[in-house]
Amino acid sequence: MNYRHAFHAGNHADVLKHYVLSRLIALLSRKEAPFAYLDSHAGIGLYDLRGDQASRTGEWLQGIARLWQATDVPDPLLDYLEVIRG
């Protein structure tokens, strides 16, 4: 199987994964004890959602695009959205 994340970046599963990860890191950072995080599947880390590959599937339109425009979201999502919108 040949998987290229650029075709699926920003889809609903990607949003859920990044939100859960960001919440875990935020909660872990409340503790005084240090922690380490290693992402073994990060890929290139930055994807052009209007680029050729992401445009072919348009999956991001039902994922992160819906959150970008959302105005009424639960409080736990606000930190995540602040980073994403930036």
PDB file of N, CA and C in Angstrom:
ATOM      1  N   MET A   1       0.840  -1.178   0.000  1.00  0.00           N
ATOM      2  CA  MET A   1       0.000   0.000   0.000  1.00  0.00           C
ATOM      3  C   MET A   1       0.887   1.243   0.000  1.00  0.00           C
ATOM      4  N   ASN A   2       0.594   2.164  -0.855  1.00  0.00           N
ATOM      5  CA  ASN A   2       1.333   3.416  -0.939  1.00  0.00           C
ATOM      6  C   ASN A   2       0.468   4.520  -0.341  1.00  0.00           C
ATOM      7  N   TYR A   3       0.803   4.976   0.860  1.00  0.00           N
ATOM      8  CA  TYR A   3       0.008   5.996   1.542  1.00  0.00           C
ATOM      9  C   TYR A   3       0.740   7.327   1.511  1.00  0.00           C
ATOM     10  N   ARG A   4       0.069   8.349   1.062  1.00  0.00           N
ATOM     11  CA  ARG A   4       0.600   9.708   1.076  1.00  0.00           C
ATOM     12  C   ARG A   4      -0.359  10.576   1.882  1.00  0.00           C
ATOM     13  N   HIS A   5       0.126  11.054   3.010  1.00  0.00           N
ATOM     14  CA  HIS A   5      -0.736  11.804   3.920  1.00  0.00           C
ATOM     15  C   HIS A   5      -1.268  13.096   3.291  1.00  0.00           C
ATOM     16  N   ALA A   6      -0.546  13.645   2.346  1.00  0.00           N
ATOM     17  CA  ALA A   6      -0.966  14.904   1.717  1.00  0.00           C
ATOM     18  C   ALA A   6      -2.358  14.808   1.100  1.00  0.00           C
ATOM     19  N   PHE A   7      -2.780  13.607   0.718  1.00  0.00           N
ATOM     20  CA  PHE A   7      -4.119  13.423   0.155  1.00  0.00           C
ATOM     21  C   PHE A   7      -5.202  13.453   1.238  1.00  0.00           C
ATOM     22  N   HIS A   8      -4.815  13.203   2.502  1.00  0.00           N
ATOM     23  CA  HIS A   8      -5.772  13.062   3.597  1.00  0.00           C
ATOM     24  C   HIS A   8      -5.581  14.081   4.711  1.00  0.00           C
ATOM     25  N   ALA A   9      -4.593  14.941   4.583  1.00  0.00           N
ATOM     26  CA  ALA A   9      -4.294  15.930   5.631  1.00  0.00           C
ATOM     27  C   ALA A   9      -5.504  16.813   5.896  1.00  0.00           C
ATOM     28  N   GLY A  10      -5.766  17.017   7.171  1.00  0.00           N
ATOM     29  CA  GLY A  10      -6.862  17.895   7.564  1.00  0.00           C
ATOM     30  C   GLY A  10      -8.226  17.242   7.585  1.00  0.00           C
ATOM     31  N   ASN A  11      -8.307  15.944   7.299  1.00  0.00           N
ATOM     32  CA  ASN A  11      -9.619  15.302   7.323  1.00  0.00           C
ATOM     33  C   ASN A  11     -10.094  15.129   8.768  1.00  0.00           C
ATOM     34  N   HIS A  12     -11.302  14.602   8.945  1.00  0.00           N
ATOM     35  CA  HIS A  12     -11.870  14.518  10.292  1.00  0.00           C
ATOM     36  C   HIS A  12     -11.021  13.673  11.235  1.00  0.00           C
ATOM     37  N   ALA A  13     -10.444  12.595  10.739  1.00  0.00           N
ATOM     38  CA  ALA A  13      -9.607  11.743  11.590  1.00  0.00           C
ATOM     39  C   ALA A  13      -8.316  12.458  11.974  1.00  0.00           C
ATOM     40  N   ASP A  14      -7.763  13.219  11.062  1.00  0.00           N
ATOM     41  CA  ASP A  14      -6.553  13.992  11.323  1.00  0.00           C
ATOM     42  C   ASP A  14      -6.822  15.050  12.399  1.00  0.00           C
ATOM     43  N   VAL A  15      -7.960  15.709  12.289  1.00  0.00           N
ATOM     44  CA  VAL A  15      -8.342  16.724  13.276  1.00  0.00           C
ATOM     45  C   VAL A  15      -8.489  16.087  14.658  1.00  0.00           C
ATOM     46  N   LEU A  16      -9.163  14.967  14.728  1.00  0.00           N
ATOM     47  CA  LEU A  16      -9.338  14.281  16.007  1.00  0.00           C
ATOM     48  C   LEU A  16      -7.988  13.885  16.597  1.00  0.00           C
ATOM     49  N   LYS A  17      -7.122  13.312  15.780  1.00  0.00           N
ATOM     50  CA  LYS A  17      -5.792  12.896  16.240  1.00  0.00           C
ATOM     51  C   LYS A  17      -5.011  14.078  16.798  1.00  0.00           C
ATOM     52  N   HIS A  18      -4.984  15.176  16.075  1.00  0.00           N
ATOM     53  CA  HIS A  18      -4.219  16.342  16.527  1.00  0.00           C
ATOM     54  C   HIS A  18      -4.838  17.001  17.745  1.00  0.00           C
ATOM     55  N   TYR A  19      -6.149  17.015  17.811  1.00  0.00           N
ATOM     56  CA  TYR A  19      -6.805  17.595  18.988  1.00  0.00           C
ATOM     57  C   TYR A  19      -6.492  16.767  20.240  1.00  0.00           C
ATOM     58  N   VAL A  20      -6.646  15.458  20.158  1.00  0.00           N
ATOM     59  CA  VAL A  20      -6.372  14.592  21.314  1.00  0.00           C
ATOM     60  C   VAL A  20      -4.909  14.720  21.726  1.00  0.00           C
ATOM     61  N   LEU A  21      -4.011  14.713  20.774  1.00  0.00           N
ATOM     62  CA  LEU A  21      -2.591  14.856  21.082  1.00  0.00           C
ATOM     63  C   LEU A  21      -2.305  16.193  21.760  1.00  0.00           C
ATOM     64  N   SER A  22      -2.875  17.272  21.250  1.00  0.00           N
ATOM     65  CA  SER A  22      -2.627  18.589  21.850  1.00  0.00           C
ATOM     66  C   SER A  22      -3.190  18.676  23.271  1.00  0.00           C
ATOM     67  N   ARG A  23      -4.344  18.049  23.509  1.00  0.00           N
ATOM     68  CA  ARG A  23      -4.916  18.025  24.870  1.00  0.00           C
ATOM     69  C   ARG A  23      -4.045  17.214  25.818  1.00  0.00           C
ATOM     70  N   LEU A  24      -3.554  16.068  25.358  1.00  0.00           N
ATOM     71  CA  LEU A  24      -2.681  15.255  26.198  1.00  0.00           C
ATOM     72  C   LEU A  24      -1.415  16.008  26.583  1.00  0.00           C
ATOM     73  N   ILE A  25      -0.815  16.684  25.614  1.00  0.00           N
ATOM     74  CA  ILE A  25       0.397  17.449  25.902  1.00  0.00           C
ATOM     75  C   ILE A  25       0.089  18.599  26.859  1.00  0.00           C
ATOM     76  N   ALA A  26      -1.028  19.276  26.656  1.00  0.00           N
ATOM     77  CA  ALA A  26      -1.411  20.368  27.554  1.00  0.00           C
ATOM     78  C   ALA A  26      -1.623  19.863  28.975  1.00  0.00           C
ATOM     79  N   LEU A  27      -2.281  18.730  29.120  1.00  0.00           N
ATOM     80  CA  LEU A  27      -2.527  18.179  30.451  1.00  0.00           C
ATOM     81  C   LEU A  27      -1.250  17.665  31.099  1.00  0.00           C
ATOM     82  N   LEU A  28      -0.390  17.018  30.327  1.00  0.00           N
ATOM     83  CA  LEU A  28       0.880  16.548  30.872  1.00  0.00           C
ATOM     84  C   LEU A  28       1.773  17.706  31.308  1.00  0.00           C
ATOM     85  N   SER A  29       1.693  18.816  30.603  1.00  0.00           N
ATOM     86  CA  SER A  29       2.560  19.952  30.935  1.00  0.00           C
ATOM     87  C   SER A  29       2.132  20.669  32.204  1.00  0.00           C
ATOM     88  N   ARG A  30       0.974  20.341  32.744  1.00  0.00           N
ATOM     89  CA  ARG A  30       0.551  20.916  34.028  1.00  0.00           C
ATOM     90  C   ARG A  30       1.369  20.360  35.196  1.00  0.00           C
ATOM     91  N   LYS A  31       1.886  19.162  35.017  1.00  0.00           N
ATOM     92  CA  LYS A  31       2.672  18.526  36.069  1.00  0.00           C
ATOM     93  C   LYS A  31       4.077  19.114  36.093  1.00  0.00           C
ATOM     94  N   GLU A  32       4.690  19.087  37.257  1.00  0.00           N
ATOM     95  CA  GLU A  32       6.059  19.583  37.366  1.00  0.00           C
ATOM     96  C   GLU A  32       7.071  18.610  36.784  1.00  0.00           C
ATOM     97  N   ALA A  33       6.723  17.346  36.751  1.00  0.00           N
ATOM     98  CA  ALA A  33       7.649  16.339  36.234  1.00  0.00           C
ATOM     99  C   ALA A  33       7.823  16.501  34.726  1.00  0.00           C
ATOM    100  N   PRO A  34       9.049  16.376  34.252  1.00  0.00           N
ATOM    101  CA  PRO A  34       9.275  16.484  32.803  1.00  0.00           C
ATOM    102  C   PRO A  34       8.720  15.267  32.072  1.00  0.00           C
ATOM    103  N   PHE A  35       8.474  15.446  30.798  1.00  0.00           N
ATOM    104  CA  PHE A  35       8.035  14.327  29.962  1.00  0.00           C
ATOM    105  C   PHE A  35       8.641  14.503  28.584  1.00  0.00           C
ATOM    106  N   ALA A  36       8.678  13.435  27.840  1.00  0.00           N
ATOM    107  CA  ALA A  36       9.209  13.471  26.478  1.00  0.00           C
ATOM    108  C   ALA A  36       8.144  12.920  25.538  1.00  0.00           C
ATOM    109  N   TYR A  37       8.116  13.447  24.346  1.00  0.00           N
ATOM    110  CA  TYR A  37       7.187  12.959  23.331  1.00  0.00           C
ATOM    111  C   TYR A  37       7.955  12.801  22.021  1.00  0.00           C
ATOM    112  N   LEU A  38       7.817  11.653  21.410  1.00  0.00           N
ATOM    113  CA  LEU A  38       8.461  11.376  20.145  1.00  0.00           C
ATOM    114  C   LEU A  38       7.394  10.923  19.164  1.00  0.00           C
ATOM    115  N   ASP A  39       7.239  11.646  18.092  1.00  0.00           N
ATOM    116  CA  ASP A  39       6.253  11.276  17.076  1.00  0.00           C
ATOM    117  C   ASP A  39       6.987  10.547  15.962  1.00  0.00           C
ATOM    118  N   SER A  40       6.721   9.277  15.840  1.00  0.00           N
ATOM    119  CA  SER A  40       7.410   8.469  14.836  1.00  0.00           C
ATOM    120  C   SER A  40       6.698   8.475  13.480  1.00  0.00           C
ATOM    121  N   HIS A  41       5.534   9.147  13.402  1.00  0.00           N
ATOM    122  CA  HIS A  41       4.775   9.159  12.153  1.00  0.00           C
ATOM    123  C   HIS A  41       4.359  10.574  11.754  1.00  0.00           C
ATOM    124  N   ALA A  42       5.191  11.537  12.018  1.00  0.00           N
ATOM    125  CA  ALA A  42       4.823  12.936  11.796  1.00  0.00           C
ATOM    126  C   ALA A  42       4.804  13.341  10.329  1.00  0.00           C
ATOM    127  N   GLY A  43       5.448  12.624   9.478  1.00  0.00           N
ATOM    128  CA  GLY A  43       5.483  13.021   8.072  1.00  0.00           C
ATOM    129  C   GLY A  43       6.259  14.317   7.898  1.00  0.00           C
ATOM    130  N   ILE A  44       5.908  15.101   6.901  1.00  0.00           N
ATOM    131  CA  ILE A  44       6.634  16.346   6.654  1.00  0.00           C
ATOM    132  C   ILE A  44       6.190  17.464   7.584  1.00  0.00           C
ATOM    133  N   GLY A  45       5.025  17.302   8.218  1.00  0.00           N
ATOM    134  CA  GLY A  45       4.591  18.250   9.244  1.00  0.00           C
ATOM    135  C   GLY A  45       3.802  19.447   8.756  1.00  0.00           C
ATOM    136  N   LEU A  46       3.890  19.783   7.500  1.00  0.00           N
ATOM    137  CA  LEU A  46       3.157  20.930   6.963  1.00  0.00           C
ATOM    138  C   LEU A  46       2.639  20.555   5.576  1.00  0.00           C
ATOM    139  N   TYR A  47       1.326  20.719   5.411  1.00  0.00           N
ATOM    140  CA  TYR A  47       0.701  20.307   4.155  1.00  0.00           C
ATOM    141  C   TYR A  47      -0.122  21.454   3.591  1.00  0.00           C
ATOM    142  N   ASP A  48      -0.035  21.648   2.288  1.00  0.00           N
ATOM    143  CA  ASP A  48      -0.796  22.682   1.602  1.00  0.00           C
ATOM    144  C   ASP A  48      -2.183  22.122   1.271  1.00  0.00           C
ATOM    145  N   LEU A  49      -3.180  22.547   2.017  1.00  0.00           N
ATOM    146  CA  LEU A  49      -4.527  22.015   1.824  1.00  0.00           C
ATOM    147  C   LEU A  49      -5.170  22.498   0.529  1.00  0.00           C
ATOM    148  N   ARG A  50      -4.619  23.521  -0.064  1.00  0.00           N
ATOM    149  CA  ARG A  50      -5.126  23.986  -1.354  1.00  0.00           C
ATOM    150  C   ARG A  50      -4.238  23.504  -2.505  1.00  0.00           C
ATOM    151  N   GLY A  51      -3.270  22.669  -2.164  1.00  0.00           N
ATOM    152  CA  GLY A  51      -2.358  22.120  -3.164  1.00  0.00           C
ATOM    153  C   GLY A  51      -3.002  21.003  -3.964  1.00  0.00           C
ATOM    154  N   ASP A  52      -2.261  20.499  -4.918  1.00  0.00           N
ATOM    155  CA  ASP A  52      -2.768  19.487  -5.843  1.00  0.00           C
ATOM    156  C   ASP A  52      -3.254  18.229  -5.136  1.00  0.00           C
ATOM    157  N   GLN A  53      -2.459  17.683  -4.233  1.00  0.00           N
ATOM    158  CA  GLN A  53      -2.814  16.408  -3.613  1.00  0.00           C
ATOM    159  C   GLN A  53      -4.045  16.518  -2.722  1.00  0.00           C
ATOM    160  N   ALA A  54      -4.076  17.495  -1.833  1.00  0.00           N
ATOM    161  CA  ALA A  54      -5.231  17.650  -0.938  1.00  0.00           C
ATOM    162  C   ALA A  54      -6.486  18.038  -1.712  1.00  0.00           C
ATOM    163  N   SER A  55      -6.313  18.762  -2.796  1.00  0.00           N
ATOM    164  CA  SER A  55      -7.467  19.173  -3.603  1.00  0.00           C
ATOM    165  C   SER A  55      -8.115  18.002  -4.334  1.00  0.00           C
ATOM    166  N   ARG A  56      -7.339  16.974  -4.611  1.00  0.00           N
ATOM    167  CA  ARG A  56      -7.893  15.810  -5.312  1.00  0.00           C
ATOM    168  C   ARG A  56      -8.978  15.117  -4.499  1.00  0.00           C
ATOM    169  N   THR A  57      -8.769  15.008  -3.185  1.00  0.00           N
ATOM    170  CA  THR A  57      -9.755  14.322  -2.348  1.00  0.00           C
ATOM    171  C   THR A  57     -10.708  15.302  -1.671  1.00  0.00           C
ATOM    172  N   GLY A  58     -10.216  16.481  -1.329  1.00  0.00           N
ATOM    173  CA  GLY A  58     -11.048  17.481  -0.653  1.00  0.00           C
ATOM    174  C   GLY A  58     -11.475  17.066   0.751  1.00  0.00           C
ATOM    175  N   GLU A  59     -10.810  16.069   1.319  1.00  0.00           N
ATOM    176  CA  GLU A  59     -11.193  15.579   2.641  1.00  0.00           C
ATOM    177  C   GLU A  59     -11.110  16.654   3.719  1.00  0.00           C
ATOM    178  N   TRP A  60     -10.206  17.594   3.560  1.00  0.00           N
ATOM    179  CA  TRP A  60     -10.018  18.632   4.571  1.00  0.00           C
ATOM    180  C   TRP A  60     -11.234  19.551   4.679  1.00  0.00           C
ATOM    181  N   LEU A  61     -12.054  19.587   3.636  1.00  0.00           N
ATOM    182  CA  LEU A  61     -13.242  20.447   3.670  1.00  0.00           C
ATOM    183  C   LEU A  61     -14.269  19.978   4.696  1.00  0.00           C
ATOM    184  N   GLN A  62     -14.283  18.676   4.976  1.00  0.00           N
ATOM    185  CA  GLN A  62     -15.186  18.130   5.994  1.00  0.00           C
ATOM    186  C   GLN A  62     -14.482  17.964   7.338  1.00  0.00           C
ATOM    187  N   GLY A  63     -13.231  18.371   7.423  1.00  0.00           N
ATOM    188  CA  GLY A  63     -12.452  18.266   8.653  1.00  0.00           C
ATOM    189  C   GLY A  63     -12.104  19.638   9.199  1.00  0.00           C
ATOM    190  N   ILE A  64     -10.876  20.040   8.969  1.00  0.00           N
ATOM    191  CA  ILE A  64     -10.369  21.282   9.565  1.00  0.00           C
ATOM    192  C   ILE A  64     -11.074  22.522   9.019  1.00  0.00           C
ATOM    193  N   ALA A  65     -11.516  22.491   7.790  1.00  0.00           N
ATOM    194  CA  ALA A  65     -12.205  23.659   7.223  1.00  0.00           C
ATOM    195  C   ALA A  65     -13.475  23.984   8.008  1.00  0.00           C
ATOM    196  N   ARG A  66     -14.168  22.971   8.472  1.00  0.00           N
ATOM    197  CA  ARG A  66     -15.390  23.200   9.258  1.00  0.00           C
ATOM    198  C   ARG A  66     -15.057  23.841  10.604  1.00  0.00           C
ATOM    199  N   LEU A  67     -13.921  23.467  11.192  1.00  0.00           N
ATOM    200  CA  LEU A  67     -13.537  24.060  12.479  1.00  0.00           C
ATOM    201  C   LEU A  67     -13.030  25.489  12.330  1.00  0.00           C
ATOM    202  N   TRP A  68     -12.333  25.770  11.236  1.00  0.00           N
ATOM    203  CA  TRP A  68     -11.836  27.128  11.006  1.00  0.00           C
ATOM    204  C   TRP A  68     -12.968  28.141  11.083  1.00  0.00           C
ATOM    205  N   GLN A  69     -14.117  27.765  10.571  1.00  0.00           N
ATOM    206  CA  GLN A  69     -15.240  28.696  10.484  1.00  0.00           C
ATOM    207  C   GLN A  69     -16.192  28.607  11.671  1.00  0.00           C
ATOM    208  N   ALA A  70     -16.001  27.624  12.544  1.00  0.00           N
ATOM    209  CA  ALA A  70     -16.919  27.407  13.664  1.00  0.00           C
ATOM    210  C   ALA A  70     -16.831  28.562  14.667  1.00  0.00           C
ATOM    211  N   THR A  71     -17.968  28.980  15.174  1.00  0.00           N
ATOM    212  CA  THR A  71     -18.000  30.056  16.171  1.00  0.00           C
ATOM    213  C   THR A  71     -18.443  29.547  17.532  1.00  0.00           C
ATOM    214  N   ASP A  72     -19.215  28.497  17.572  1.00  0.00           N
ATOM    215  CA  ASP A  72     -19.721  27.957  18.826  1.00  0.00           C
ATOM    216  C   ASP A  72     -19.102  26.585  19.069  1.00  0.00           C
ATOM    217  N   VAL A  73     -17.952  26.580  19.748  1.00  0.00           N
ATOM    218  CA  VAL A  73     -17.244  25.328  20.009  1.00  0.00           C
ATOM    219  C   VAL A  73     -17.054  25.150  21.513  1.00  0.00           C
ATOM    220  N   PRO A  74     -16.939  23.918  21.976  1.00  0.00           N
ATOM    221  CA  PRO A  74     -16.687  23.679  23.400  1.00  0.00           C
ATOM    222  C   PRO A  74     -15.355  24.292  23.845  1.00  0.00           C
ATOM    223  N   ASP A  75     -15.299  24.715  25.083  1.00  0.00           N
ATOM    224  CA  ASP A  75     -14.093  25.359  25.616  1.00  0.00           C
ATOM    225  C   ASP A  75     -12.804  24.564  25.394  1.00  0.00           C
ATOM    226  N   PRO A  76     -12.817  23.235  25.575  1.00  0.00           N
ATOM    227  CA  PRO A  76     -11.561  22.502  25.374  1.00  0.00           C
ATOM    228  C   PRO A  76     -10.988  22.624  23.965  1.00  0.00           C
ATOM    229  N   LEU A  77     -11.797  22.986  22.991  1.00  0.00           N
ATOM    230  CA  LEU A  77     -11.305  23.143  21.618  1.00  0.00           C
ATOM    231  C   LEU A  77     -10.683  24.510  21.349  1.00  0.00           C
ATOM    232  N   LEU A  78     -10.900  25.463  22.221  1.00  0.00           N
ATOM    233  CA  LEU A  78     -10.461  26.833  21.952  1.00  0.00           C
ATOM    234  C   LEU A  78      -8.950  26.963  21.781  1.00  0.00           C
ATOM    235  N   ASP A  79      -8.160  26.309  22.641  1.00  0.00           N
ATOM    236  CA  ASP A  79      -6.702  26.374  22.510  1.00  0.00           C
ATOM    237  C   ASP A  79      -6.240  25.778  21.186  1.00  0.00           C
ATOM    238  N   TYR A  80      -6.821  24.640  20.835  1.00  0.00           N
ATOM    239  CA  TYR A  80      -6.472  23.980  19.574  1.00  0.00           C
ATOM    240  C   TYR A  80      -6.804  24.894  18.392  1.00  0.00           C
ATOM    241  N   LEU A  81      -7.998  25.486  18.416  1.00  0.00           N
ATOM    242  CA  LEU A  81      -8.402  26.361  17.318  1.00  0.00           C
ATOM    243  C   LEU A  81      -7.540  27.610  17.212  1.00  0.00           C
ATOM    244  N   GLU A  82      -7.107  28.127  18.338  1.00  0.00           N
ATOM    245  CA  GLU A  82      -6.247  29.309  18.327  1.00  0.00           C
ATOM    246  C   GLU A  82      -4.950  29.017  17.564  1.00  0.00           C
ATOM    247  N   VAL A  83      -4.385  27.850  17.798  1.00  0.00           N
ATOM    248  CA  VAL A  83      -3.159  27.455  17.093  1.00  0.00           C
ATOM    249  C   VAL A  83      -3.455  27.223  15.620  1.00  0.00           C
ATOM    250  N   ILE A  84      -4.521  26.515  15.308  1.00  0.00           N
ATOM    251  CA  ILE A  84      -4.859  26.188  13.925  1.00  0.00           C
ATOM    252  C   ILE A  84      -5.157  27.448  13.114  1.00  0.00           C
ATOM    253  N   ARG A  85      -5.910  28.346  13.700  1.00  0.00           N
ATOM    254  CA  ARG A  85      -6.256  29.580  12.977  1.00  0.00           C
ATOM    255  C   ARG A  85      -5.060  30.489  12.771  1.00  0.00           C
ATOM    256  N   GLY A  86      -4.075  30.367  13.635  1.00  0.00           N
ATOM    257  CA  GLY A  86      -2.854  31.181  13.511  1.00  0.00           C
ATOM    258  C   GLY A  86      -2.027  30.735  12.341  1.00  0.00           C
TER     259      GLY A  86
END
